[in-house]
Amino acid sequence: MPKKKSLSKKTRLPAKLVKYLEKSGVKHEILEHRTVYTAYDAAATMRKKLNEIAKSLFIKADKDYYLAILPADYNLDFKKLGKCIGTQTKKPIKAVKIPGEKVMENLLKVKAGAMSAFGGLHKLPVVVDKGLVKAKKAIFSSGSFNHSVEMAVRDFVKIENAVLGNFGVKKKIKKQKISKPKKKIKTKKAVKIKKKIKNK
């Protein structure tokens, strides 16, 4: 029987990353999965907790570019990240922002959303939030929508020569209030109609 064509094309695991990881000599596992575009999708697909998924953000601090890595259940605190980078570079950071996708595509020569967490591949310094270290093992983006890399967080920090800092804020999950169904208020007309129906 002929194979059914999948709706979304599978993306290949970048050969550059495979060589990079082999050269590092660090124990890792390449996970193949269905196409995912967000950390939430990755967690759901691989049945992992959000804090085990490493979210990669391409950021600009003043004139320099960095890769900020934090758990998927954390939001980025721009001020804290600026302080963290400033402490490392020994110069105050005035502005931290996320550049547009076109900047990333032109600078790193990658498709939107297809950036790996491995800054060494992109010649970018890496900053890791300490919240990710609690997970011990984490899943990192590979630069493919169908592959991820699982490895020990300490090994990732080591091969990336990453700076550790506190710049993530845990997301607050709002609990939805379940509203009780409203009681129907019977009008005089409705009561009269009901009585007529019963009498017939």
N, C-alpha and C. Protein backbone atom coordinates (compact mmCIF):
# COMPACT_ATOMS: atom_id res chain seq x y z
N MET A 1 0.83 -1.21 0.00
CA MET A 1 0.00 0.00 0.00
C MET A 1 0.86 1.25 0.00
N PRO A 2 0.48 2.27 -0.80
CA PRO A 2 1.29 3.50 -0.82
C PRO A 2 1.17 4.26 0.49
N LYS A 3 2.27 4.87 0.92
CA LYS A 3 2.26 5.64 2.17
C LYS A 3 1.51 6.94 1.99
N LYS A 4 0.75 7.28 3.00
CA LYS A 4 0.01 8.55 2.96
C LYS A 4 0.97 9.71 3.16
N LYS A 5 0.77 10.75 2.40
CA LYS A 5 1.64 11.93 2.53
C LYS A 5 1.27 12.68 3.79
N SER A 6 2.28 13.03 4.58
CA SER A 6 2.01 13.79 5.80
C SER A 6 1.72 15.24 5.43
N LEU A 7 0.86 15.86 6.23
CA LEU A 7 0.46 17.24 5.95
C LEU A 7 1.62 18.21 6.07
N SER A 8 2.51 17.97 7.04
CA SER A 8 3.66 18.86 7.21
C SER A 8 4.94 18.08 6.90
N LYS A 9 5.81 18.70 6.13
CA LYS A 9 7.06 18.05 5.74
C LYS A 9 7.97 17.91 6.95
N LYS A 10 8.62 16.76 7.04
CA LYS A 10 9.56 16.55 8.15
C LYS A 10 10.85 17.29 7.85
N THR A 11 11.40 17.93 8.89
CA THR A 11 12.66 18.64 8.72
C THR A 11 13.80 17.75 9.19
N ARG A 12 14.90 17.83 8.49
CA ARG A 12 16.05 17.00 8.82
C ARG A 12 16.79 17.54 10.04
N LEU A 13 17.46 16.63 10.72
CA LEU A 13 18.33 17.02 11.82
C LEU A 13 19.58 17.62 11.19
N PRO A 14 19.94 18.86 11.53
CA PRO A 14 21.13 19.48 10.91
C PRO A 14 22.40 18.65 11.14
N ALA A 15 23.07 18.32 10.04
CA ALA A 15 24.32 17.53 10.11
C ALA A 15 25.38 18.26 10.93
N LYS A 16 25.32 19.59 10.87
CA LYS A 16 26.26 20.44 11.60
C LYS A 16 26.14 20.20 13.11
N LEU A 17 24.88 20.03 13.57
CA LEU A 17 24.64 19.79 15.00
C LEU A 17 25.13 18.41 15.40
N VAL A 18 24.90 17.41 14.55
CA VAL A 18 25.34 16.04 14.84
C VAL A 18 26.87 16.02 15.05
N LYS A 19 27.60 16.68 14.16
CA LYS A 19 29.07 16.76 14.27
C LYS A 19 29.48 17.50 15.54
N TYR A 20 28.76 18.59 15.81
CA TYR A 20 29.04 19.43 16.98
C TYR A 20 28.90 18.62 18.28
N LEU A 21 27.83 17.83 18.36
CA LEU A 21 27.59 17.03 19.57
C LEU A 21 28.57 15.88 19.68
N GLU A 22 28.90 15.25 18.55
CA GLU A 22 29.87 14.15 18.56
C GLU A 22 31.25 14.64 19.00
N LYS A 23 31.61 15.82 18.53
CA LYS A 23 32.90 16.43 18.88
C LYS A 23 32.97 16.78 20.36
N SER A 24 31.82 17.17 20.93
CA SER A 24 31.79 17.56 22.34
C SER A 24 32.03 16.37 23.27
N GLY A 25 31.68 15.16 22.79
CA GLY A 25 31.89 13.95 23.58
C GLY A 25 30.92 13.82 24.74
N VAL A 26 29.88 14.63 24.73
CA VAL A 26 28.89 14.63 25.82
C VAL A 26 27.78 13.63 25.52
N LYS A 27 27.36 12.91 26.56
CA LYS A 27 26.28 11.93 26.41
C LYS A 27 24.97 12.67 26.10
N HIS A 28 24.32 12.24 25.04
CA HIS A 28 23.06 12.89 24.63
C HIS A 28 22.19 11.90 23.85
N GLU A 29 20.93 12.25 23.74
CA GLU A 29 20.00 11.40 22.98
C GLU A 29 19.22 12.27 22.01
N ILE A 30 19.15 11.84 20.74
CA ILE A 30 18.39 12.59 19.74
C ILE A 30 16.99 11.99 19.69
N LEU A 31 16.00 12.81 19.94
CA LEU A 31 14.61 12.36 19.95
C LEU A 31 13.91 12.81 18.67
N GLU A 32 13.29 11.86 17.99
CA GLU A 32 12.54 12.18 16.78
C GLU A 32 11.06 12.21 17.16
N HIS A 33 10.34 13.22 16.69
CA HIS A 33 8.93 13.37 17.06
C HIS A 33 8.16 14.07 15.94
N ARG A 34 6.86 14.20 16.15
CA ARG A 34 6.04 14.89 15.15
C ARG A 34 6.42 16.37 15.12
N THR A 35 6.02 17.07 14.10
CA THR A 35 6.38 18.48 13.93
C THR A 35 5.84 19.32 15.09
N VAL A 36 6.75 20.05 15.73
CA VAL A 36 6.36 20.96 16.82
C VAL A 36 7.00 22.33 16.59
N TYR A 37 6.25 23.36 16.96
CA TYR A 37 6.75 24.73 16.77
C TYR A 37 6.94 25.48 18.09
N THR A 38 6.36 24.97 19.17
CA THR A 38 6.47 25.66 20.45
C THR A 38 6.92 24.68 21.54
N ALA A 39 7.36 25.25 22.65
CA ALA A 39 7.78 24.44 23.80
C ALA A 39 6.60 23.66 24.36
N TYR A 40 5.42 24.26 24.33
CA TYR A 40 4.20 23.59 24.81
C TYR A 40 3.90 22.35 23.98
N ASP A 41 4.04 22.49 22.64
CA ASP A 41 3.81 21.36 21.74
C ASP A 41 4.83 20.25 22.00
N ALA A 42 6.07 20.67 22.20
CA ALA A 42 7.15 19.71 22.47
C ALA A 42 6.87 18.91 23.74
N ALA A 43 6.43 19.61 24.79
CA ALA A 43 6.13 18.96 26.07
C ALA A 43 4.97 17.97 25.92
N ALA A 44 3.93 18.38 25.20
CA ALA A 44 2.77 17.52 25.00
C ALA A 44 3.11 16.31 24.15
N THR A 45 3.90 16.52 23.09
CA THR A 45 4.27 15.44 22.17
C THR A 45 5.15 14.40 22.85
N MET A 46 6.12 14.88 23.63
CA MET A 46 7.07 13.95 24.26
C MET A 46 6.65 13.54 25.67
N ARG A 47 5.46 14.01 26.07
CA ARG A 47 4.92 13.70 27.41
C ARG A 47 5.91 14.04 28.51
N LYS A 48 6.40 15.27 28.44
CA LYS A 48 7.35 15.77 29.43
C LYS A 48 6.74 16.96 30.16
N LYS A 49 7.29 17.26 31.32
CA LYS A 49 6.85 18.44 32.07
C LYS A 49 7.46 19.67 31.41
N LEU A 50 6.77 20.81 31.53
CA LEU A 50 7.27 22.05 30.91
C LEU A 50 8.65 22.44 31.43
N ASN A 51 8.92 22.15 32.71
CA ASN A 51 10.23 22.53 33.27
C ASN A 51 11.37 21.66 32.77
N GLU A 52 11.03 20.61 31.99
CA GLU A 52 12.06 19.74 31.40
C GLU A 52 12.36 20.14 29.95
N ILE A 53 11.61 21.10 29.45
CA ILE A 53 11.81 21.60 28.08
C ILE A 53 12.55 22.93 28.16
N ALA A 54 13.67 23.02 27.47
CA ALA A 54 14.46 24.26 27.46
C ALA A 54 13.96 25.18 26.34
N LYS A 55 13.56 26.36 26.73
CA LYS A 55 13.08 27.36 25.76
C LYS A 55 14.27 28.22 25.34
N SER A 56 14.48 28.36 24.02
CA SER A 56 15.62 29.15 23.51
C SER A 56 15.12 30.48 22.97
N LEU A 57 15.71 31.57 23.44
CA LEU A 57 15.32 32.89 22.97
C LEU A 57 16.54 33.64 22.43
N PHE A 58 16.39 34.12 21.22
CA PHE A 58 17.44 34.91 20.58
C PHE A 58 17.22 36.36 21.03
N ILE A 59 18.19 36.91 21.75
CA ILE A 59 18.00 38.26 22.30
C ILE A 59 19.16 39.19 21.94
N LYS A 60 18.87 40.47 22.05
CA LYS A 60 19.88 41.50 21.79
C LYS A 60 20.03 42.34 23.05
N ALA A 61 21.24 42.42 23.56
CA ALA A 61 21.54 43.25 24.73
C ALA A 61 22.45 44.37 24.25
N ASP A 62 21.89 45.58 24.16
CA ASP A 62 22.56 46.72 23.54
C ASP A 62 22.93 46.36 22.10
N LYS A 63 24.21 46.21 21.79
CA LYS A 63 24.60 45.91 20.40
C LYS A 63 24.95 44.44 20.16
N ASP A 64 24.98 43.65 21.24
CA ASP A 64 25.40 42.26 21.13
C ASP A 64 24.22 41.28 21.19
N TYR A 65 24.42 40.13 20.53
CA TYR A 65 23.39 39.10 20.49
C TYR A 65 23.75 37.92 21.39
N TYR A 66 22.73 37.31 21.99
CA TYR A 66 22.91 36.18 22.90
C TYR A 66 21.80 35.16 22.70
N LEU A 67 22.03 33.98 23.27
CA LEU A 67 20.97 32.97 23.35
C LEU A 67 20.63 32.82 24.82
N ALA A 68 19.38 33.08 25.16
CA ALA A 68 18.92 32.92 26.54
C ALA A 68 18.13 31.61 26.61
N ILE A 69 18.52 30.75 27.54
CA ILE A 69 17.87 29.44 27.70
C ILE A 69 17.22 29.38 29.08
N LEU A 70 15.93 29.06 29.09
CA LEU A 70 15.21 28.97 30.35
C LEU A 70 14.12 27.90 30.27
N PRO A 71 13.63 27.43 31.42
CA PRO A 71 12.57 26.40 31.37
C PRO A 71 11.33 26.95 30.67
N ALA A 72 10.61 26.07 29.99
CA ALA A 72 9.44 26.49 29.21
C ALA A 72 8.31 27.05 30.08
N ASP A 73 8.32 26.74 31.38
CA ASP A 73 7.28 27.28 32.26
C ASP A 73 7.72 28.59 32.93
N TYR A 74 8.76 29.22 32.38
CA TYR A 74 9.25 30.51 32.87
C TYR A 74 9.09 31.58 31.79
N ASN A 75 8.88 32.80 32.23
CA ASN A 75 8.89 33.96 31.34
C ASN A 75 10.21 34.70 31.52
N LEU A 76 10.64 35.38 30.49
CA LEU A 76 11.91 36.12 30.56
C LEU A 76 11.70 37.48 31.21
N ASP A 77 12.55 37.77 32.21
CA ASP A 77 12.56 39.09 32.86
C ASP A 77 13.73 39.85 32.21
N PHE A 78 13.39 40.81 31.36
CA PHE A 78 14.41 41.53 30.58
C PHE A 78 15.40 42.30 31.47
N LYS A 79 14.90 42.92 32.54
CA LYS A 79 15.78 43.68 33.45
C LYS A 79 16.79 42.77 34.13
N LYS A 80 16.30 41.63 34.61
CA LYS A 80 17.18 40.67 35.30
C LYS A 80 18.23 40.11 34.34
N LEU A 81 17.81 39.85 33.09
CA LEU A 81 18.75 39.33 32.10
C LEU A 81 19.82 40.38 31.79
N GLY A 82 19.41 41.64 31.70
CA GLY A 82 20.34 42.74 31.46
C GLY A 82 21.39 42.83 32.57
N LYS A 83 20.93 42.66 33.83
CA LYS A 83 21.85 42.69 34.98
C LYS A 83 22.82 41.52 34.93
N CYS A 84 22.28 40.34 34.56
CA CYS A 84 23.09 39.12 34.48
C CYS A 84 24.20 39.27 33.44
N ILE A 85 23.84 39.78 32.26
CA ILE A 85 24.83 39.98 31.19
C ILE A 85 25.80 41.09 31.56
N GLY A 86 25.28 42.14 32.17
CA GLY A 86 26.11 43.27 32.62
C GLY A 86 27.17 42.87 33.62
N THR A 87 26.79 41.97 34.55
CA THR A 87 27.74 41.46 35.56
C THR A 87 28.86 40.67 34.88
N GLN A 88 28.48 39.89 33.87
CA GLN A 88 29.45 39.06 33.16
C GLN A 88 30.40 39.91 32.29
N THR A 89 29.82 40.88 31.57
CA THR A 89 30.63 41.69 30.65
C THR A 89 31.31 42.89 31.33
N LYS A 90 30.90 43.13 32.58
CA LYS A 90 31.41 44.25 33.39
C LYS A 90 31.13 45.61 32.76
N LYS A 91 29.97 45.69 32.10
CA LYS A 91 29.50 46.97 31.57
C LYS A 91 27.97 47.01 31.66
N PRO A 92 27.41 48.13 32.07
CA PRO A 92 25.95 48.18 32.24
C PRO A 92 25.22 48.02 30.90
N ILE A 93 24.13 47.22 30.94
CA ILE A 93 23.31 46.99 29.75
C ILE A 93 22.09 47.92 29.83
N LYS A 94 21.92 48.73 28.81
CA LYS A 94 20.82 49.69 28.80
C LYS A 94 19.51 49.09 28.29
N ALA A 95 19.59 48.28 27.23
CA ALA A 95 18.36 47.72 26.65
C ALA A 95 18.51 46.26 26.24
N VAL A 96 17.51 45.46 26.63
CA VAL A 96 17.46 44.06 26.22
C VAL A 96 16.15 43.86 25.47
N LYS A 97 16.23 43.28 24.28
CA LYS A 97 15.01 43.05 23.50
C LYS A 97 15.14 41.79 22.65
N ILE A 98 14.00 41.33 22.14
CA ILE A 98 13.98 40.19 21.22
C ILE A 98 13.88 40.76 19.81
N PRO A 99 14.92 40.58 19.00
CA PRO A 99 14.89 41.14 17.64
C PRO A 99 13.85 40.40 16.77
N GLY A 100 13.50 41.01 15.67
CA GLY A 100 12.54 40.39 14.75
C GLY A 100 13.09 39.14 14.10
N GLU A 101 12.18 38.33 13.54
CA GLU A 101 12.59 37.06 12.91
C GLU A 101 13.53 37.27 11.72
N LYS A 102 13.35 38.38 10.99
CA LYS A 102 14.20 38.65 9.83
C LYS A 102 15.65 38.88 10.24
N VAL A 103 15.85 39.52 11.40
CA VAL A 103 17.20 39.75 11.92
C VAL A 103 17.87 38.41 12.20
N MET A 104 17.10 37.51 12.84
CA MET A 104 17.61 36.18 13.16
C MET A 104 17.94 35.40 11.89
N GLU A 105 17.03 35.45 10.91
CA GLU A 105 17.24 34.74 9.65
C GLU A 105 18.48 35.24 8.91
N ASN A 106 18.66 36.55 8.87
CA ASN A 106 19.81 37.14 8.17
C ASN A 106 21.13 36.92 8.90
N LEU A 107 21.09 37.05 10.22
CA LEU A 107 22.30 36.94 11.02
C LEU A 107 22.77 35.50 11.20
N LEU A 108 21.82 34.60 11.50
CA LEU A 108 22.18 33.21 11.79
C LEU A 108 21.99 32.26 10.61
N LYS A 109 21.37 32.77 9.56
CA LYS A 109 21.09 31.96 8.35
C LYS A 109 20.24 30.73 8.67
N VAL A 110 19.21 30.93 9.49
CA VAL A 110 18.27 29.86 9.82
C VAL A 110 16.84 30.33 9.58
N LYS A 111 15.94 29.38 9.38
CA LYS A 111 14.53 29.70 9.19
C LYS A 111 13.93 30.13 10.52
N ALA A 112 12.87 30.92 10.44
CA ALA A 112 12.18 31.38 11.65
C ALA A 112 11.74 30.19 12.49
N GLY A 113 12.11 30.21 13.76
CA GLY A 113 11.73 29.14 14.68
C GLY A 113 12.63 27.92 14.63
N ALA A 114 13.59 27.90 13.69
CA ALA A 114 14.46 26.72 13.54
C ALA A 114 15.86 26.97 14.09
N MET A 115 15.94 27.69 15.18
CA MET A 115 17.23 27.98 15.80
C MET A 115 17.49 26.93 16.88
N SER A 116 18.69 26.41 16.93
CA SER A 116 18.99 25.43 17.96
C SER A 116 19.39 26.14 19.25
N ALA A 117 19.37 25.38 20.33
CA ALA A 117 19.74 25.94 21.64
C ALA A 117 21.26 26.01 21.81
N PHE A 118 21.99 25.46 20.84
CA PHE A 118 23.44 25.37 20.94
C PHE A 118 24.11 26.59 20.32
N GLY A 119 24.38 27.55 21.18
CA GLY A 119 24.95 28.83 20.74
C GLY A 119 26.28 28.70 20.03
N GLY A 120 27.06 27.67 20.40
CA GLY A 120 28.35 27.44 19.76
C GLY A 120 28.23 27.27 18.26
N LEU A 121 27.11 26.70 17.82
CA LEU A 121 26.86 26.52 16.38
C LEU A 121 26.66 27.85 15.67
N HIS A 122 26.06 28.79 16.40
CA HIS A 122 25.73 30.10 15.82
C HIS A 122 26.72 31.20 16.21
N LYS A 123 27.78 30.78 16.93
CA LYS A 123 28.79 31.71 17.44
C LYS A 123 28.15 32.78 18.32
N LEU A 124 27.28 32.30 19.20
CA LEU A 124 26.58 33.19 20.14
C LEU A 124 26.87 32.77 21.57
N PRO A 125 27.10 33.74 22.47
CA PRO A 125 27.25 33.38 23.89
C PRO A 125 25.90 32.93 24.45
N VAL A 126 25.94 31.98 25.37
CA VAL A 126 24.71 31.40 25.94
C VAL A 126 24.58 31.77 27.42
N VAL A 127 23.35 32.16 27.79
CA VAL A 127 23.03 32.47 29.18
C VAL A 127 21.91 31.52 29.60
N VAL A 128 22.11 30.79 30.69
CA VAL A 128 21.13 29.78 31.15
C VAL A 128 20.54 30.20 32.49
N ASP A 129 19.21 30.13 32.58
CA ASP A 129 18.56 30.43 33.86
C ASP A 129 18.78 29.27 34.83
N LYS A 130 19.05 29.62 36.09
CA LYS A 130 19.34 28.61 37.10
C LYS A 130 18.15 27.68 37.36
N GLY A 131 16.95 28.13 37.00
CA GLY A 131 15.75 27.31 37.17
C GLY A 131 15.81 26.03 36.35
N LEU A 132 16.55 26.06 35.24
CA LEU A 132 16.66 24.89 34.38
C LEU A 132 17.55 23.82 35.00
N VAL A 133 18.51 24.24 35.81
CA VAL A 133 19.45 23.32 36.44
C VAL A 133 18.73 22.34 37.37
N LYS A 134 17.60 22.79 37.94
CA LYS A 134 16.81 21.94 38.85
C LYS A 134 16.31 20.68 38.15
N ALA A 135 16.10 20.76 36.84
CA ALA A 135 15.56 19.62 36.08
C ALA A 135 16.60 18.52 35.86
N LYS A 136 17.87 18.83 36.09
CA LYS A 136 19.00 17.90 35.86
C LYS A 136 19.13 17.53 34.39
N LYS A 137 18.08 16.90 33.82
CA LYS A 137 18.07 16.57 32.39
C LYS A 137 17.05 17.47 31.72
N ALA A 138 17.34 17.89 30.49
CA ALA A 138 16.38 18.73 29.77
C ALA A 138 16.42 18.41 28.28
N ILE A 139 15.37 18.88 27.59
CA ILE A 139 15.27 18.67 26.15
C ILE A 139 15.50 20.01 25.47
N PHE A 140 16.48 20.04 24.58
CA PHE A 140 16.91 21.26 23.90
C PHE A 140 16.54 21.23 22.43
N SER A 141 16.25 22.40 21.87
CA SER A 141 15.91 22.48 20.45
C SER A 141 17.16 22.21 19.60
N SER A 142 16.92 21.52 18.47
CA SER A 142 18.03 21.07 17.62
C SER A 142 18.20 21.90 16.36
N GLY A 143 17.18 22.72 16.05
CA GLY A 143 17.20 23.43 14.77
C GLY A 143 16.34 22.71 13.74
N SER A 144 15.68 21.65 14.19
CA SER A 144 14.73 20.89 13.36
C SER A 144 13.40 20.86 14.10
N PHE A 145 12.30 20.94 13.36
CA PHE A 145 10.97 20.90 13.98
C PHE A 145 10.56 19.48 14.36
N ASN A 146 11.36 18.49 13.94
CA ASN A 146 11.03 17.08 14.20
C ASN A 146 12.04 16.34 15.07
N HIS A 147 13.05 17.07 15.56
CA HIS A 147 14.07 16.45 16.41
C HIS A 147 14.40 17.37 17.58
N SER A 148 14.71 16.74 18.70
CA SER A 148 15.16 17.47 19.89
C SER A 148 16.34 16.71 20.49
N VAL A 149 17.08 17.39 21.34
CA VAL A 149 18.25 16.75 21.98
C VAL A 149 18.04 16.73 23.49
N GLU A 150 18.11 15.51 24.05
CA GLU A 150 18.00 15.37 25.50
C GLU A 150 19.38 15.13 26.08
N MET A 151 19.70 15.92 27.10
CA MET A 151 21.01 15.76 27.74
C MET A 151 20.98 16.38 29.14
N ALA A 152 22.00 16.08 29.93
CA ALA A 152 22.10 16.65 31.27
C ALA A 152 22.34 18.15 31.15
N VAL A 153 21.66 18.93 31.99
CA VAL A 153 21.79 20.39 31.93
C VAL A 153 23.22 20.81 32.21
N ARG A 154 23.88 20.15 33.16
CA ARG A 154 25.27 20.52 33.50
C ARG A 154 26.20 20.30 32.30
N ASP A 155 25.91 19.26 31.49
CA ASP A 155 26.72 19.00 30.29
C ASP A 155 26.50 20.08 29.24
N PHE A 156 25.24 20.52 29.12
CA PHE A 156 24.91 21.60 28.18
C PHE A 156 25.65 22.87 28.57
N VAL A 157 25.61 23.18 29.87
CA VAL A 157 26.29 24.38 30.39
C VAL A 157 27.79 24.31 30.11
N LYS A 158 28.34 23.10 30.28
CA LYS A 158 29.78 22.88 30.08
C LYS A 158 30.19 23.09 28.62
N ILE A 159 29.48 22.42 27.67
CA ILE A 159 29.91 22.51 26.27
C ILE A 159 29.63 23.89 25.67
N GLU A 160 28.63 24.59 26.23
CA GLU A 160 28.32 25.92 25.72
C GLU A 160 29.07 27.02 26.45
N ASN A 161 29.81 26.63 27.51
CA ASN A 161 30.52 27.60 28.34
C ASN A 161 29.54 28.70 28.76
N ALA A 162 28.34 28.24 29.15
CA ALA A 162 27.23 29.16 29.44
C ALA A 162 27.37 29.86 30.78
N VAL A 163 26.80 31.05 30.83
CA VAL A 163 26.74 31.84 32.07
C VAL A 163 25.42 31.51 32.74
N LEU A 164 25.46 31.22 34.04
CA LEU A 164 24.24 30.93 34.80
C LEU A 164 23.75 32.20 35.49
N GLY A 165 22.44 32.37 35.52
CA GLY A 165 21.87 33.55 36.17
C GLY A 165 20.40 33.36 36.50
N ASN A 166 19.86 34.29 37.26
CA ASN A 166 18.43 34.27 37.60
C ASN A 166 17.72 35.36 36.79
N PHE A 167 17.12 34.97 35.69
CA PHE A 167 16.43 35.97 34.86
C PHE A 167 15.06 35.47 34.38
N GLY A 168 14.65 34.34 34.92
CA GLY A 168 13.33 33.78 34.56
C GLY A 168 12.33 33.99 35.68
N VAL A 169 11.10 34.17 35.32
CA VAL A 169 10.01 34.31 36.30
C VAL A 169 9.00 33.22 36.00
N LYS A 170 8.70 32.40 37.00
CA LYS A 170 7.77 31.29 36.79
C LYS A 170 6.39 31.82 36.41
N LYS A 171 5.82 31.23 35.38
CA LYS A 171 4.51 31.66 34.90
C LYS A 171 3.44 31.33 35.92
N LYS A 172 2.53 32.26 36.08
CA LYS A 172 1.40 32.03 36.97
C LYS A 172 0.26 31.45 36.15
N ILE A 173 -0.19 30.27 36.57
CA ILE A 173 -1.30 29.64 35.86
C ILE A 173 -2.60 30.06 36.56
N LYS A 174 -3.41 30.76 35.81
CA LYS A 174 -4.68 31.23 36.36
C LYS A 174 -5.69 30.09 36.43
N LYS A 175 -6.25 29.93 37.62
CA LYS A 175 -7.29 28.91 37.78
C LYS A 175 -8.62 29.51 37.37
N GLN A 176 -9.29 28.81 36.48
CA GLN A 176 -10.58 29.30 36.02
C GLN A 176 -11.67 28.95 37.01
N LYS A 177 -12.47 29.95 37.34
CA LYS A 177 -13.58 29.75 38.25
C LYS A 177 -14.74 29.11 37.49
N ILE A 178 -15.26 28.04 38.07
CA ILE A 178 -16.39 27.38 37.44
C ILE A 178 -17.66 28.04 37.97
N SER A 179 -18.33 28.72 37.08
CA SER A 179 -19.54 29.43 37.50
C SER A 179 -20.73 28.48 37.55
N LYS A 180 -21.51 28.63 38.61
CA LYS A 180 -22.70 27.79 38.78
C LYS A 180 -23.77 28.23 37.79
N PRO A 181 -24.52 27.26 37.25
CA PRO A 181 -25.58 27.65 36.31
C PRO A 181 -26.64 28.50 37.00
N LYS A 182 -27.01 29.56 36.33
CA LYS A 182 -28.00 30.47 36.91
C LYS A 182 -29.38 29.83 36.91
N LYS A 183 -30.08 30.04 38.01
CA LYS A 183 -31.45 29.52 38.11
C LYS A 183 -32.36 30.37 37.25
N LYS A 184 -33.24 29.69 36.55
CA LYS A 184 -34.18 30.42 35.70
C LYS A 184 -35.24 31.08 36.57
N ILE A 185 -35.41 32.36 36.35
CA ILE A 185 -36.42 33.10 37.11
C ILE A 185 -37.76 32.95 36.38
N LYS A 186 -38.69 32.38 37.09
CA LYS A 186 -40.01 32.16 36.49
C LYS A 186 -40.84 33.43 36.54
N THR A 187 -41.30 33.82 35.39
CA THR A 187 -42.18 35.00 35.33
C THR A 187 -43.62 34.54 35.51
N LYS A 188 -44.48 35.49 35.81
CA LYS A 188 -45.90 35.16 36.01
C LYS A 188 -46.50 34.53 34.76
N LYS A 189 -46.09 35.05 33.58
CA LYS A 189 -46.60 34.54 32.31
C LYS A 189 -46.19 33.08 32.11
N ALA A 190 -44.90 32.77 32.42
CA ALA A 190 -44.37 31.41 32.26
C ALA A 190 -45.11 30.44 33.16
N VAL A 191 -45.42 30.87 34.39
CA VAL A 191 -46.14 30.03 35.35
C VAL A 191 -47.54 29.74 34.85
N LYS A 192 -48.24 30.79 34.32
CA LYS A 192 -49.60 30.62 33.79
C LYS A 192 -49.64 29.66 32.62
N ILE A 193 -48.65 29.77 31.70
CA ILE A 193 -48.57 28.89 30.53
C ILE A 193 -48.39 27.43 30.98
N LYS A 194 -47.51 27.21 31.98
CA LYS A 194 -47.24 25.86 32.50
C LYS A 194 -48.50 25.25 33.10
N LYS A 195 -49.27 26.09 33.84
CA LYS A 195 -50.51 25.63 34.46
C LYS A 195 -51.53 25.21 33.43
N LYS A 196 -51.63 26.00 32.32
CA LYS A 196 -52.55 25.70 31.22
C LYS A 196 -52.22 24.37 30.56
N ILE A 197 -50.90 24.13 30.36
CA ILE A 197 -50.44 22.88 29.74
C ILE A 197 -50.80 21.69 30.61
N LYS A 198 -50.62 21.84 31.94
CA LYS A 198 -50.93 20.76 32.88
C LYS A 198 -52.43 20.47 32.89
N ASN A 199 -53.27 21.51 32.81
CA ASN A 199 -54.73 21.35 32.85
C ASN A 199 -55.30 20.68 31.60
N LYS A 200 -54.57 20.78 30.48
CA LYS A 200 -55.10 20.21 29.22
C LYS A 200 -55.05 18.70 29.22
